[in-house]
């Protein structure tokens, strides 16, 4: 019974905390930007896999994937088109997409720091605090340092 009371209190506090926030807008924004960041990563991954195991093998696996996906919304065609595009990438385009994907990650890390901290770090203690936030979120150390430096330059 105490558990149900605590869960009810948690639900009530959650609803109070979310009032006045446009959660649907936030969710749509996160979904949109995640989708944009995902496409270059998928294309580069397909290209690299094609280089490692051979394009014919990747094409065969993509047909298996397409067969397993539900066809009602065109998922098989999307998967086959993405794999086909990834396999045909020229080397320079693959390198540019890989660079763009890492740039997106840096931009996301800087945006997180801007949301979390009102002003750029002014001393070593604040820099370490910002680095700790990024590392706990799963960012690599080098990228976290670069994001803190970018925030300081802004």
Protein backbone atom coordinates (compact mmCIF):
# COMPACT_ATOMS: atom_id res chain seq x y z
CA UNK A 1 0.00 0.00 0.00
CA UNK A 2 2.86 2.37 0.82
CA UNK A 3 4.32 1.69 -2.63
CA UNK A 4 1.07 2.74 -4.32
CA UNK A 5 0.99 5.91 -2.23
CA UNK A 6 4.58 6.75 -3.21
CA UNK A 7 3.86 6.06 -6.89
CA UNK A 8 0.80 8.33 -6.71
CA UNK A 9 2.94 11.08 -5.21
CA UNK A 10 5.56 10.60 -7.90
CA UNK A 11 2.93 10.84 -10.65
CA UNK A 12 1.43 13.97 -9.08
CA UNK A 13 4.84 15.66 -8.76
CA UNK A 14 5.72 14.72 -12.34
CA UNK A 15 2.50 16.23 -13.71
CA UNK A 16 3.09 19.44 -11.71
CA UNK A 17 6.64 19.70 -12.98
CA UNK A 18 5.59 19.28 -16.60
CA UNK A 19 2.82 21.86 -16.57
CA UNK A 20 3.53 24.77 -18.86
CA UNK A 21 6.13 22.88 -20.89
CA UNK A 22 5.48 22.01 -24.52
CA UNK A 23 6.66 18.40 -24.41
CA UNK A 24 5.32 17.55 -27.86
CA UNK A 25 7.42 20.33 -29.37
CA UNK A 26 10.54 19.18 -27.54
CA UNK A 27 9.95 15.57 -28.59
CA UNK A 28 9.42 16.59 -32.22
CA UNK A 29 12.62 18.66 -32.20
CA UNK A 30 14.69 15.85 -30.72
CA UNK A 31 13.25 13.38 -33.22
CA UNK A 32 13.93 15.70 -36.16
CA UNK A 33 17.53 16.44 -35.24
CA UNK A 34 18.25 12.82 -34.33
CA UNK A 35 16.99 11.80 -37.77
CA UNK A 36 19.17 14.38 -39.48
CA UNK A 37 22.23 13.22 -37.55
CA UNK A 38 21.46 9.57 -38.22
CA UNK A 39 21.41 9.65 -42.04
CA UNK A 40 25.09 10.57 -42.56
CA UNK A 41 26.13 8.01 -39.95
CA UNK A 42 24.13 5.26 -41.69
CA UNK A 43 25.56 6.13 -45.11
CA UNK A 44 29.15 6.14 -43.85
CA UNK A 45 28.60 2.88 -41.95
CA UNK A 46 27.20 1.19 -45.06
CA UNK A 47 30.08 2.52 -47.18
CA UNK A 48 32.70 1.36 -44.67
CA UNK A 49 31.05 -2.05 -44.31
CA UNK A 50 31.03 -2.38 -48.10
CA UNK A 51 34.75 -1.63 -48.15
CA UNK A 52 35.47 -4.20 -45.44
CA UNK A 53 33.27 -7.17 -46.39
CA UNK A 54 32.45 -6.41 -50.00
CA UNK A 55 29.59 -4.61 -51.67
CA UNK A 56 27.93 -7.82 -52.88
CA UNK A 57 27.69 -9.14 -49.31
CA UNK A 58 26.24 -5.86 -48.02
CA UNK A 59 23.71 -5.79 -50.88
CA UNK A 60 22.63 -9.34 -50.04
CA UNK A 61 22.23 -8.45 -46.38
CA UNK A 62 20.21 -5.37 -47.31
CA UNK A 63 17.80 -7.55 -49.29
CA UNK A 64 17.39 -9.76 -46.22
CA UNK A 65 16.75 -6.68 -44.10
CA UNK A 66 14.22 -5.35 -46.61
CA UNK A 67 12.37 -8.68 -46.56
CA UNK A 68 12.15 -8.54 -42.76
CA UNK A 69 10.76 -4.98 -42.60
CA UNK A 70 7.03 -4.20 -42.77
CA UNK A 71 6.09 -2.99 -46.24
CA UNK A 72 3.02 -0.92 -45.31
CA UNK A 73 4.96 2.36 -45.04
CA UNK A 74 7.67 1.57 -47.59
CA UNK A 75 10.35 0.57 -45.09
CA UNK A 76 11.90 -2.06 -47.40
CA UNK A 77 12.39 0.50 -50.17
CA UNK A 78 13.90 2.99 -47.74
CA UNK A 79 16.39 0.40 -46.46
CA UNK A 80 17.38 -0.71 -49.95
CA UNK A 81 17.76 2.90 -51.14
CA UNK A 82 19.89 3.84 -48.13
CA UNK A 83 22.17 0.85 -48.59
CA UNK A 84 22.44 1.45 -52.33
CA UNK A 85 23.32 5.11 -51.76
CA UNK A 86 25.86 4.21 -49.07
CA UNK A 87 27.58 1.66 -51.28
CA UNK A 88 27.92 4.16 -54.15
CA UNK A 89 29.50 6.93 -52.07
CA UNK A 90 32.77 8.27 -53.44
CA UNK A 91 35.63 8.32 -50.94
CA UNK A 92 35.59 12.12 -50.56
CA UNK A 93 31.86 12.19 -49.90
CA UNK A 94 32.19 9.45 -47.28
CA UNK A 95 34.95 11.45 -45.57
CA UNK A 96 32.83 14.62 -45.67
CA UNK A 97 29.84 12.80 -44.18
CA UNK A 98 32.00 11.34 -41.42
CA UNK A 99 33.30 14.83 -40.65
CA UNK A 100 29.74 16.21 -40.64
CA UNK A 101 28.62 13.51 -38.21
CA UNK A 102 31.43 14.43 -35.80
CA UNK A 103 30.60 18.13 -36.25
CA UNK A 104 27.00 17.41 -35.30
CA UNK A 105 28.21 15.72 -32.13
CA UNK A 106 30.35 18.75 -31.25
CA UNK A 107 27.43 21.09 -31.88
CA UNK A 108 25.22 18.94 -29.66
CA UNK A 109 27.81 18.98 -26.87
CA UNK A 110 28.15 22.78 -27.05
CA UNK A 111 24.36 23.17 -27.05
CA UNK A 112 24.14 20.97 -23.95
CA UNK A 113 26.72 23.13 -22.18
CA UNK A 114 24.87 26.31 -23.17
CA UNK A 115 21.65 24.93 -21.71
CA UNK A 116 23.36 23.77 -18.55
CA UNK A 117 25.57 26.79 -17.85
CA UNK A 118 24.50 30.42 -18.16
CA UNK A 119 28.03 31.70 -18.86
CA UNK A 120 31.18 30.11 -20.30
CA UNK A 121 33.57 28.61 -17.74
CA UNK A 122 35.73 31.33 -16.20
CA UNK A 123 38.20 29.15 -14.27
CA UNK A 124 39.56 25.60 -14.03
CA UNK A 125 36.90 24.51 -11.54
CA UNK A 126 34.08 25.55 -13.90
CA UNK A 127 35.87 23.95 -16.88
CA UNK A 128 36.19 20.66 -14.98
CA UNK A 129 32.53 20.83 -14.03
CA UNK A 130 31.54 21.33 -17.70
CA UNK A 131 33.83 18.48 -18.78
CA UNK A 132 32.28 16.23 -16.14
CA UNK A 133 28.79 16.94 -17.46
CA UNK A 134 29.79 15.92 -20.99
CA UNK A 135 31.75 12.84 -19.96
CA UNK A 136 28.83 11.61 -17.81
CA UNK A 137 26.58 12.06 -20.86
CA UNK A 138 28.87 9.72 -22.81
CA UNK A 139 30.97 12.16 -24.84
CA UNK A 140 34.59 11.21 -25.51
CA UNK A 141 37.22 13.21 -23.58
CA UNK A 142 38.69 14.88 -26.67
CA UNK A 143 35.30 16.01 -27.92
CA UNK A 144 34.33 17.23 -24.44
CA UNK A 145 37.48 19.37 -24.25
CA UNK A 146 36.81 20.75 -27.72
CA UNK A 147 33.21 21.61 -26.76
CA UNK A 148 34.35 23.48 -23.63
CA UNK A 149 36.91 25.43 -25.69
CA UNK A 150 34.21 26.26 -28.28
CA UNK A 151 31.91 27.49 -25.52
CA UNK A 152 34.69 29.70 -24.14
CA UNK A 153 35.34 31.21 -27.60
CA UNK A 154 31.65 32.01 -28.13
